[in-house]
N, C-alpha and C. Protein backbone atom coordinates (compact mmCIF):
# COMPACT_ATOMS: atom_id res chain seq x y z
N UNK A 1 84.73 92.76 113.10
CA UNK A 1 86.09 92.85 113.62
C UNK A 1 86.84 93.93 112.82
N UNK A 2 87.59 94.76 113.50
CA UNK A 2 88.33 95.82 112.83
C UNK A 2 89.72 95.34 112.46
N UNK A 3 90.38 96.11 111.59
CA UNK A 3 91.75 95.79 111.20
C UNK A 3 92.64 95.78 112.43
N UNK A 4 92.40 96.70 113.36
CA UNK A 4 93.20 96.75 114.59
C UNK A 4 93.05 95.45 115.37
N UNK A 5 91.83 94.94 115.46
CA UNK A 5 91.61 93.67 116.16
C UNK A 5 92.27 92.52 115.39
N UNK A 6 92.19 92.57 114.05
CA UNK A 6 92.80 91.51 113.25
C UNK A 6 94.31 91.48 113.40
N UNK A 7 94.91 92.62 113.66
CA UNK A 7 96.36 92.69 113.83
C UNK A 7 96.74 92.72 115.31
N UNK A 8 95.83 92.30 116.17
CA UNK A 8 96.01 92.33 117.62
C UNK A 8 97.42 92.00 118.05
N UNK A 9 97.97 92.86 118.90
CA UNK A 9 99.30 92.64 119.44
C UNK A 9 100.41 93.28 118.63
N UNK A 10 100.14 93.61 117.38
CA UNK A 10 101.16 94.27 116.56
C UNK A 10 100.97 95.78 116.65
N UNK A 11 102.08 96.48 116.79
CA UNK A 11 102.00 97.93 116.79
C UNK A 11 101.77 98.41 115.36
N UNK A 12 100.75 99.23 115.15
CA UNK A 12 100.41 99.78 113.84
C UNK A 12 100.37 101.30 113.99
N UNK A 13 101.16 101.99 113.16
CA UNK A 13 101.25 103.45 113.26
C UNK A 13 101.05 104.06 111.88
N UNK A 14 100.13 105.04 111.80
CA UNK A 14 99.98 105.78 110.54
C UNK A 14 101.25 106.59 110.32
N UNK A 15 101.90 106.39 109.16
CA UNK A 15 103.14 107.10 108.88
C UNK A 15 102.93 108.26 107.92
N UNK A 16 102.26 108.01 106.78
CA UNK A 16 102.07 109.10 105.83
C UNK A 16 100.90 108.84 104.89
N UNK A 17 100.47 109.90 104.25
CA UNK A 17 99.50 109.85 103.18
C UNK A 17 100.26 110.14 101.89
N UNK A 18 100.01 109.34 100.87
CA UNK A 18 100.69 109.53 99.58
C UNK A 18 99.73 110.15 98.58
N UNK A 19 100.20 111.17 97.90
CA UNK A 19 99.42 111.88 96.89
C UNK A 19 100.19 111.78 95.57
N UNK A 20 99.51 111.37 94.52
CA UNK A 20 100.15 111.21 93.22
C UNK A 20 99.56 112.19 92.21
N UNK A 21 100.41 112.65 91.31
CA UNK A 21 100.00 113.52 90.21
C UNK A 21 100.94 113.25 89.04
N UNK A 22 100.58 113.68 87.85
CA UNK A 22 101.49 113.49 86.73
C UNK A 22 102.86 114.14 86.94
N UNK A 23 102.90 115.22 87.77
CA UNK A 23 104.16 115.91 88.05
C UNK A 23 104.21 116.31 89.52
N UNK A 24 105.26 115.92 90.21
CA UNK A 24 105.44 116.35 91.60
C UNK A 24 105.46 117.88 91.67
N UNK A 25 106.05 118.51 90.66
CA UNK A 25 106.16 119.97 90.66
C UNK A 25 104.78 120.65 90.77
N UNK A 26 103.73 119.98 90.28
CA UNK A 26 102.39 120.54 90.38
C UNK A 26 101.80 120.43 91.79
N UNK A 27 102.36 119.54 92.60
CA UNK A 27 101.90 119.36 93.97
C UNK A 27 102.59 120.30 94.96
N UNK A 28 103.80 120.74 94.63
CA UNK A 28 104.58 121.55 95.55
C UNK A 28 103.92 122.88 95.94
N UNK A 29 103.23 123.60 95.04
CA UNK A 29 102.61 124.86 95.46
C UNK A 29 101.59 124.69 96.60
N UNK A 30 100.95 123.54 96.66
CA UNK A 30 99.99 123.29 97.74
C UNK A 30 100.69 122.71 98.97
N UNK A 31 101.35 121.58 98.80
CA UNK A 31 101.85 120.82 99.95
C UNK A 31 103.12 121.40 100.57
N UNK A 32 103.92 122.12 99.80
CA UNK A 32 105.12 122.77 100.34
C UNK A 32 104.84 124.24 100.62
N UNK A 33 104.45 124.98 99.57
CA UNK A 33 104.35 126.44 99.69
C UNK A 33 103.17 126.88 100.54
N UNK A 34 101.98 126.41 100.24
CA UNK A 34 100.79 126.84 100.98
C UNK A 34 100.71 126.23 102.36
N UNK A 35 100.95 124.92 102.46
CA UNK A 35 100.77 124.22 103.73
C UNK A 35 102.04 124.12 104.58
N UNK A 36 103.17 124.57 104.02
CA UNK A 36 104.39 124.67 104.81
C UNK A 36 105.18 123.38 104.98
N UNK A 37 105.01 122.43 104.07
CA UNK A 37 105.78 121.18 104.16
C UNK A 37 107.25 121.43 103.94
N UNK A 38 108.06 120.73 104.72
CA UNK A 38 109.51 120.82 104.59
C UNK A 38 110.02 119.49 104.04
N UNK A 39 110.92 119.55 103.09
CA UNK A 39 111.45 118.33 102.47
C UNK A 39 112.14 117.47 103.52
N UNK A 40 111.71 116.23 103.59
CA UNK A 40 112.27 115.28 104.54
C UNK A 40 113.24 114.34 103.86
N UNK A 41 113.02 114.07 102.60
CA UNK A 41 113.81 113.10 101.87
C UNK A 41 112.89 111.99 101.41
N UNK A 42 113.41 110.81 101.42
CA UNK A 42 112.58 109.65 101.10
C UNK A 42 112.54 109.36 99.61
N UNK A 43 112.23 108.13 99.35
CA UNK A 43 111.91 107.66 98.01
C UNK A 43 112.99 107.78 96.98
N UNK A 44 112.94 108.82 96.21
CA UNK A 44 113.77 108.89 95.02
C UNK A 44 113.09 108.13 93.91
N UNK A 45 113.87 107.60 92.99
CA UNK A 45 113.31 106.89 91.84
C UNK A 45 113.15 105.41 92.15
N UNK A 46 111.99 104.90 91.90
CA UNK A 46 111.71 103.47 91.99
C UNK A 46 111.58 102.98 90.55
N UNK A 47 112.74 102.86 89.88
CA UNK A 47 112.75 102.56 88.44
C UNK A 47 112.00 101.29 88.10
N UNK A 48 112.18 100.25 88.91
CA UNK A 48 111.52 98.98 88.60
C UNK A 48 110.00 99.14 88.59
N UNK A 49 109.49 99.96 89.49
CA UNK A 49 108.05 100.16 89.58
C UNK A 49 107.58 101.29 88.66
N UNK A 50 108.45 102.25 88.39
CA UNK A 50 108.11 103.31 87.45
C UNK A 50 107.61 104.60 88.07
N UNK A 51 108.08 104.93 89.27
CA UNK A 51 107.64 106.19 89.87
C UNK A 51 108.75 106.82 90.70
N UNK A 52 108.56 108.11 91.01
CA UNK A 52 109.48 108.90 91.84
C UNK A 52 108.68 109.41 93.03
N UNK A 53 109.33 109.48 94.19
CA UNK A 53 108.67 110.00 95.39
C UNK A 53 109.58 110.96 96.13
N UNK A 54 108.96 111.75 96.97
CA UNK A 54 109.66 112.52 97.99
C UNK A 54 108.68 112.76 99.12
N UNK A 55 109.21 113.01 100.31
CA UNK A 55 108.33 113.24 101.46
C UNK A 55 108.53 114.64 102.02
N UNK A 56 107.40 115.19 102.46
CA UNK A 56 107.39 116.46 103.16
C UNK A 56 106.92 116.19 104.58
N UNK A 57 107.44 116.94 105.53
CA UNK A 57 107.02 116.81 106.92
C UNK A 57 106.44 118.14 107.38
N UNK A 58 105.60 118.05 108.39
CA UNK A 58 104.87 119.20 108.90
C UNK A 58 105.03 119.29 110.41
N UNK A 59 104.68 120.44 110.96
CA UNK A 59 104.71 120.62 112.40
C UNK A 59 103.90 119.50 113.05
N UNK A 60 104.46 118.91 114.08
CA UNK A 60 103.79 117.81 114.75
C UNK A 60 104.23 116.45 114.24
N UNK A 61 104.99 116.42 113.13
CA UNK A 61 105.54 115.16 112.65
C UNK A 61 104.75 114.45 111.57
N UNK A 62 103.61 114.98 111.16
CA UNK A 62 102.87 114.31 110.08
C UNK A 62 103.63 114.45 108.77
N UNK A 63 103.35 113.51 107.84
CA UNK A 63 104.08 113.49 106.57
C UNK A 63 103.13 113.26 105.40
N UNK A 64 103.51 113.83 104.27
CA UNK A 64 102.84 113.59 102.99
C UNK A 64 103.92 113.16 102.01
N UNK A 65 103.64 112.08 101.29
CA UNK A 65 104.55 111.62 100.25
C UNK A 65 103.99 112.05 98.91
N UNK A 66 104.80 112.68 98.08
CA UNK A 66 104.40 113.11 96.75
C UNK A 66 104.96 112.12 95.74
N UNK A 67 104.14 111.73 94.77
CA UNK A 67 104.53 110.70 93.80
C UNK A 67 104.23 111.16 92.39
N UNK A 68 105.07 110.72 91.44
CA UNK A 68 104.83 110.97 90.02
C UNK A 68 105.35 109.78 89.23
N UNK A 69 104.78 109.53 88.03
CA UNK A 69 105.31 108.45 87.20
C UNK A 69 106.64 108.87 86.57
N UNK A 70 107.51 107.90 86.37
CA UNK A 70 108.72 108.15 85.59
C UNK A 70 108.36 108.07 84.11
N UNK A 71 109.15 108.71 83.27
CA UNK A 71 108.89 108.75 81.83
C UNK A 71 108.72 107.33 81.28
N UNK A 72 107.67 107.14 80.53
CA UNK A 72 107.41 105.86 79.88
C UNK A 72 106.75 104.82 80.76
N UNK A 73 106.50 105.15 82.01
CA UNK A 73 105.91 104.18 82.94
C UNK A 73 104.39 104.18 82.85
N UNK A 74 103.82 103.02 83.01
CA UNK A 74 102.36 102.88 83.07
C UNK A 74 101.88 102.64 84.48
N UNK A 75 102.76 102.84 85.49
CA UNK A 75 102.44 102.51 86.88
C UNK A 75 101.14 103.15 87.35
N UNK A 76 100.92 104.40 87.02
CA UNK A 76 99.74 105.11 87.51
C UNK A 76 98.59 105.15 86.51
N UNK A 77 98.70 104.45 85.39
CA UNK A 77 97.68 104.55 84.34
C UNK A 77 96.26 104.35 84.86
N UNK A 78 96.00 103.26 85.57
CA UNK A 78 94.63 103.02 86.04
C UNK A 78 94.23 104.03 87.10
N UNK A 79 95.18 104.44 87.94
CA UNK A 79 94.88 105.45 88.96
C UNK A 79 94.51 106.78 88.31
N UNK A 80 95.30 107.21 87.32
CA UNK A 80 94.99 108.47 86.65
C UNK A 80 93.70 108.36 85.84
N UNK A 81 93.39 107.19 85.32
CA UNK A 81 92.12 107.00 84.62
C UNK A 81 90.96 107.21 85.59
N UNK A 82 91.07 106.67 86.78
CA UNK A 82 90.02 106.83 87.80
C UNK A 82 89.88 108.28 88.25
N UNK A 83 90.99 109.02 88.26
CA UNK A 83 90.96 110.40 88.74
C UNK A 83 90.91 111.41 87.59
N UNK A 84 90.60 110.91 86.40
CA UNK A 84 90.51 111.76 85.20
C UNK A 84 91.79 112.55 84.94
N UNK A 85 92.93 111.89 85.20
CA UNK A 85 94.23 112.48 84.90
C UNK A 85 94.78 113.43 85.93
N UNK A 86 94.03 113.72 86.95
CA UNK A 86 94.46 114.72 87.93
C UNK A 86 95.28 114.14 89.06
N UNK A 87 95.03 112.91 89.42
CA UNK A 87 95.70 112.33 90.58
C UNK A 87 94.92 112.64 91.84
N UNK A 88 95.55 112.44 92.97
CA UNK A 88 94.92 112.64 94.28
C UNK A 88 95.55 111.72 95.29
N UNK A 89 94.82 111.44 96.37
CA UNK A 89 95.35 110.54 97.39
C UNK A 89 95.51 109.16 96.78
N UNK A 90 96.72 108.63 96.85
CA UNK A 90 97.01 107.33 96.26
C UNK A 90 96.91 106.21 97.29
N UNK A 91 97.52 106.40 98.47
CA UNK A 91 97.45 105.38 99.51
C UNK A 91 97.75 105.98 100.88
N UNK A 92 97.38 105.21 101.89
CA UNK A 92 97.76 105.51 103.27
C UNK A 92 98.81 104.49 103.68
N UNK A 93 99.87 104.94 104.33
CA UNK A 93 100.94 104.06 104.76
C UNK A 93 100.89 103.89 106.27
N UNK A 94 100.87 102.64 106.69
CA UNK A 94 100.94 102.30 108.11
C UNK A 94 102.19 101.46 108.32
N UNK A 95 102.96 101.80 109.35
CA UNK A 95 104.10 100.98 109.72
C UNK A 95 103.64 99.91 110.70
N UNK A 96 104.15 98.71 110.52
CA UNK A 96 103.88 97.60 111.44
C UNK A 96 105.21 97.10 111.99
N UNK A 97 105.15 96.52 113.17
CA UNK A 97 106.38 96.04 113.81
C UNK A 97 106.82 94.70 113.26
N UNK A 98 105.90 93.93 112.66
CA UNK A 98 106.24 92.60 112.15
C UNK A 98 105.39 92.33 110.91
N UNK A 99 105.95 92.59 109.74
CA UNK A 99 105.19 92.43 108.50
C UNK A 99 104.78 90.97 108.28
N UNK A 100 105.67 90.04 108.56
CA UNK A 100 105.34 88.63 108.35
C UNK A 100 104.12 88.22 109.19
N UNK A 101 104.09 88.64 110.44
CA UNK A 101 102.95 88.32 111.30
C UNK A 101 101.69 89.01 110.80
N UNK A 102 101.81 90.26 110.34
CA UNK A 102 100.64 90.98 109.81
C UNK A 102 100.08 90.26 108.59
N UNK A 103 100.95 89.85 107.67
CA UNK A 103 100.51 89.14 106.46
C UNK A 103 99.82 87.83 106.85
N UNK A 104 100.42 87.08 107.76
CA UNK A 104 99.84 85.80 108.17
C UNK A 104 98.47 85.99 108.80
N UNK A 105 98.33 86.98 109.68
CA UNK A 105 97.05 87.22 110.35
C UNK A 105 95.98 87.68 109.36
N UNK A 106 96.34 88.59 108.47
CA UNK A 106 95.34 89.10 107.52
C UNK A 106 94.94 88.04 106.50
N UNK A 107 95.90 87.27 106.02
CA UNK A 107 95.60 86.20 105.06
C UNK A 107 94.70 85.15 105.71
N UNK A 108 94.99 84.78 106.95
CA UNK A 108 94.18 83.79 107.65
C UNK A 108 92.74 84.27 107.83
N UNK A 109 92.55 85.56 107.89
CA UNK A 109 91.20 86.12 108.07
C UNK A 109 90.53 86.46 106.74
N UNK A 110 91.19 86.11 105.61
CA UNK A 110 90.57 86.26 104.31
C UNK A 110 90.73 87.60 103.63
N UNK A 111 91.59 88.47 104.17
CA UNK A 111 91.82 89.75 103.51
C UNK A 111 92.62 89.54 102.23
N UNK A 112 92.30 90.30 101.18
CA UNK A 112 93.04 90.24 99.93
C UNK A 112 94.24 91.18 100.00
N UNK A 113 95.41 90.61 99.85
CA UNK A 113 96.66 91.37 99.87
C UNK A 113 97.33 91.26 98.52
N UNK A 114 98.10 92.26 98.16
CA UNK A 114 98.88 92.19 96.92
C UNK A 114 100.14 93.02 97.06
N UNK A 115 101.08 92.79 96.15
CA UNK A 115 102.32 93.55 96.13
C UNK A 115 103.26 93.23 97.28
N UNK A 116 103.23 92.01 97.78
CA UNK A 116 104.14 91.65 98.86
C UNK A 116 105.57 91.79 98.37
N UNK A 117 106.37 92.57 99.10
CA UNK A 117 107.76 92.81 98.73
C UNK A 117 108.59 92.72 100.00
N UNK A 118 109.34 91.63 100.14
CA UNK A 118 110.18 91.44 101.32
C UNK A 118 111.65 91.33 100.97
N UNK A 119 112.02 91.67 99.73
CA UNK A 119 113.39 91.50 99.27
C UNK A 119 114.38 92.53 99.77
N UNK A 120 113.93 93.69 100.21
CA UNK A 120 114.83 94.74 100.67
C UNK A 120 114.62 94.94 102.16
N UNK A 121 115.59 94.60 103.00
CA UNK A 121 115.40 94.72 104.44
C UNK A 121 115.18 96.16 104.91
N UNK A 122 115.47 97.14 104.04
CA UNK A 122 115.23 98.54 104.43
C UNK A 122 113.77 98.91 104.32
N UNK A 123 113.00 98.15 103.52
CA UNK A 123 111.60 98.50 103.31
C UNK A 123 110.85 97.26 102.85
N UNK A 124 110.11 96.64 103.75
CA UNK A 124 109.30 95.47 103.44
C UNK A 124 107.86 95.93 103.45
N UNK A 125 107.05 95.49 102.46
CA UNK A 125 105.70 96.04 102.34
C UNK A 125 104.73 95.04 101.75
N UNK A 126 103.46 95.34 101.97
CA UNK A 126 102.35 94.64 101.34
C UNK A 126 101.19 95.63 101.29
N UNK A 127 100.27 95.39 100.37
CA UNK A 127 99.11 96.29 100.22
C UNK A 127 97.82 95.54 100.50
N UNK A 128 96.94 96.20 101.21
CA UNK A 128 95.59 95.72 101.44
C UNK A 128 94.74 96.25 100.30
N UNK A 129 94.09 95.37 99.58
CA UNK A 129 93.33 95.74 98.39
C UNK A 129 92.29 96.81 98.73
N UNK A 130 92.10 97.80 97.84
CA UNK A 130 91.10 98.85 98.10
C UNK A 130 89.69 98.31 98.35
N UNK A 131 89.35 97.18 97.76
CA UNK A 131 88.02 96.62 98.01
C UNK A 131 87.85 96.18 99.46
N UNK A 132 88.95 95.99 100.15
CA UNK A 132 88.91 95.61 101.57
C UNK A 132 88.80 96.83 102.48
N UNK A 133 89.08 98.02 101.93
CA UNK A 133 89.18 99.22 102.77
C UNK A 133 88.34 100.36 102.20
N UNK A 134 87.17 100.04 101.69
CA UNK A 134 86.22 101.05 101.19
C UNK A 134 86.84 101.99 100.16
N UNK A 135 87.62 101.39 99.25
CA UNK A 135 88.17 102.16 98.14
C UNK A 135 89.53 102.79 98.41
N UNK A 136 90.11 102.55 99.57
CA UNK A 136 91.40 103.14 99.92
C UNK A 136 92.48 102.07 99.84
N UNK A 137 93.57 102.37 99.15
CA UNK A 137 94.72 101.47 99.11
C UNK A 137 95.51 101.67 100.40
N UNK A 138 95.71 100.58 101.14
CA UNK A 138 96.44 100.63 102.41
C UNK A 138 97.78 99.92 102.22
N UNK A 139 98.85 100.60 102.52
CA UNK A 139 100.19 100.02 102.48
C UNK A 139 100.62 99.73 103.91
N UNK A 140 100.99 98.49 104.17
CA UNK A 140 101.57 98.11 105.45
C UNK A 140 103.05 97.90 105.20
N UNK A 141 103.89 98.56 105.99
CA UNK A 141 105.33 98.49 105.75
C UNK A 141 106.07 98.29 107.06
N UNK A 142 107.14 97.55 106.97
CA UNK A 142 108.07 97.39 108.09
C UNK A 142 109.39 97.98 107.65
N UNK A 143 109.66 99.22 108.08
CA UNK A 143 110.91 99.85 107.68
C UNK A 143 112.09 99.27 108.45
N UNK A 144 113.24 99.24 107.78
CA UNK A 144 114.48 98.79 108.41
C UNK A 144 115.46 99.93 108.49
N UNK A 145 116.70 99.59 108.65
CA UNK A 145 117.76 100.60 108.77
C UNK A 145 118.23 101.06 107.39
N UNK A 146 118.42 102.36 107.25
CA UNK A 146 118.98 102.94 106.03
C UNK A 146 120.43 103.30 106.31
N UNK A 147 121.28 103.24 105.30
CA UNK A 147 122.69 103.59 105.53
C UNK A 147 122.81 105.05 105.96
N UNK A 148 123.78 105.31 106.83
CA UNK A 148 123.97 106.70 107.26
C UNK A 148 124.47 107.56 106.10
N UNK A 149 124.30 108.84 106.25
CA UNK A 149 124.77 109.76 105.22
C UNK A 149 123.71 110.77 104.89
N UNK A 150 124.09 111.76 104.13
CA UNK A 150 123.14 112.82 103.80
C UNK A 150 122.05 112.32 102.86
N UNK A 151 120.87 112.87 103.04
CA UNK A 151 119.76 112.55 102.15
C UNK A 151 119.80 113.53 100.97
N UNK A 152 119.23 113.10 99.88
CA UNK A 152 119.17 113.97 98.70
C UNK A 152 118.31 115.19 99.01
N UNK A 153 118.69 116.32 98.46
CA UNK A 153 117.88 117.53 98.61
C UNK A 153 116.66 117.44 97.69
N UNK A 154 115.71 118.31 97.91
CA UNK A 154 114.54 118.38 97.05
C UNK A 154 114.97 118.62 95.60
N UNK A 155 115.92 119.52 95.41
CA UNK A 155 116.39 119.83 94.07
C UNK A 155 117.03 118.61 93.41
N UNK A 156 117.79 117.84 94.19
CA UNK A 156 118.40 116.62 93.66
C UNK A 156 117.34 115.61 93.22
N UNK A 157 116.32 115.41 94.05
CA UNK A 157 115.26 114.45 93.70
C UNK A 157 114.57 114.89 92.42
N UNK A 158 114.22 116.18 92.32
CA UNK A 158 113.52 116.68 91.14
C UNK A 158 114.41 116.64 89.90
N UNK A 159 115.72 116.68 90.10
CA UNK A 159 116.65 116.62 88.97
C UNK A 159 116.98 115.17 88.59
N UNK A 160 116.38 114.20 89.29
CA UNK A 160 116.65 112.80 89.00
C UNK A 160 117.95 112.31 89.61
N UNK A 161 118.47 113.04 90.61
CA UNK A 161 119.71 112.65 91.26
C UNK A 161 119.49 112.16 92.68
N UNK A 162 118.24 111.83 93.02
CA UNK A 162 117.95 111.29 94.35
C UNK A 162 118.35 109.83 94.42
N UNK A 163 117.90 109.16 95.48
CA UNK A 163 118.17 107.75 95.67
C UNK A 163 117.72 106.97 94.43
N UNK A 164 118.61 106.23 93.83
CA UNK A 164 118.38 105.43 92.62
C UNK A 164 118.04 106.30 91.40
N UNK A 165 118.31 107.58 91.47
CA UNK A 165 118.00 108.47 90.35
C UNK A 165 118.82 108.14 89.11
N UNK A 166 118.23 108.38 87.97
CA UNK A 166 118.93 108.09 86.71
C UNK A 166 119.27 109.37 85.96
N UNK A 167 119.13 110.53 86.62
CA UNK A 167 119.49 111.79 86.01
C UNK A 167 118.42 112.38 85.12
N UNK A 168 117.27 111.70 84.99
CA UNK A 168 116.17 112.26 84.21
C UNK A 168 115.33 113.11 85.14
N UNK A 169 115.24 114.41 84.86
CA UNK A 169 114.52 115.30 85.78
C UNK A 169 113.02 115.10 85.74
N UNK A 170 112.41 115.55 86.83
CA UNK A 170 110.95 115.59 86.90
C UNK A 170 110.44 116.53 85.80
N UNK A 171 109.35 116.15 85.14
CA UNK A 171 108.85 117.03 84.06
C UNK A 171 108.40 118.39 84.58
């Protein structure tokens, strides 16, 4: 049985691929300059978790999320150990129409889930363990409404002035 069959009836859409490195600035020459990604916004500082993100969009609507650890964070320690400090693809993000139903269906079928976070109605998520997906971390998320207003610029995010930014710039 495939994941699609296990989530039968729920709309599942690939939203983005996340790439992590010690510094987002090291990813920009490839994902922005060479491949033509345009800053979409997204993320900012996730202080509680210890990382910063931003998203780039491409012709056709595909997206790549760039991630880096915040100073003093151990969030990516095991990931960077596996990648010998270089980073790489961190996870694939799929949007689901009903996270609660997805969690119930996957749990009932014995899938190992972790990182369930339903406290913020703007972004509810859970992760399918890499051992369940041939070494790939799968994020299932149910996005909600974000407040209207301008999004932080790329420069703001890198300067630590993005969403939830604390003013500490990207290294």
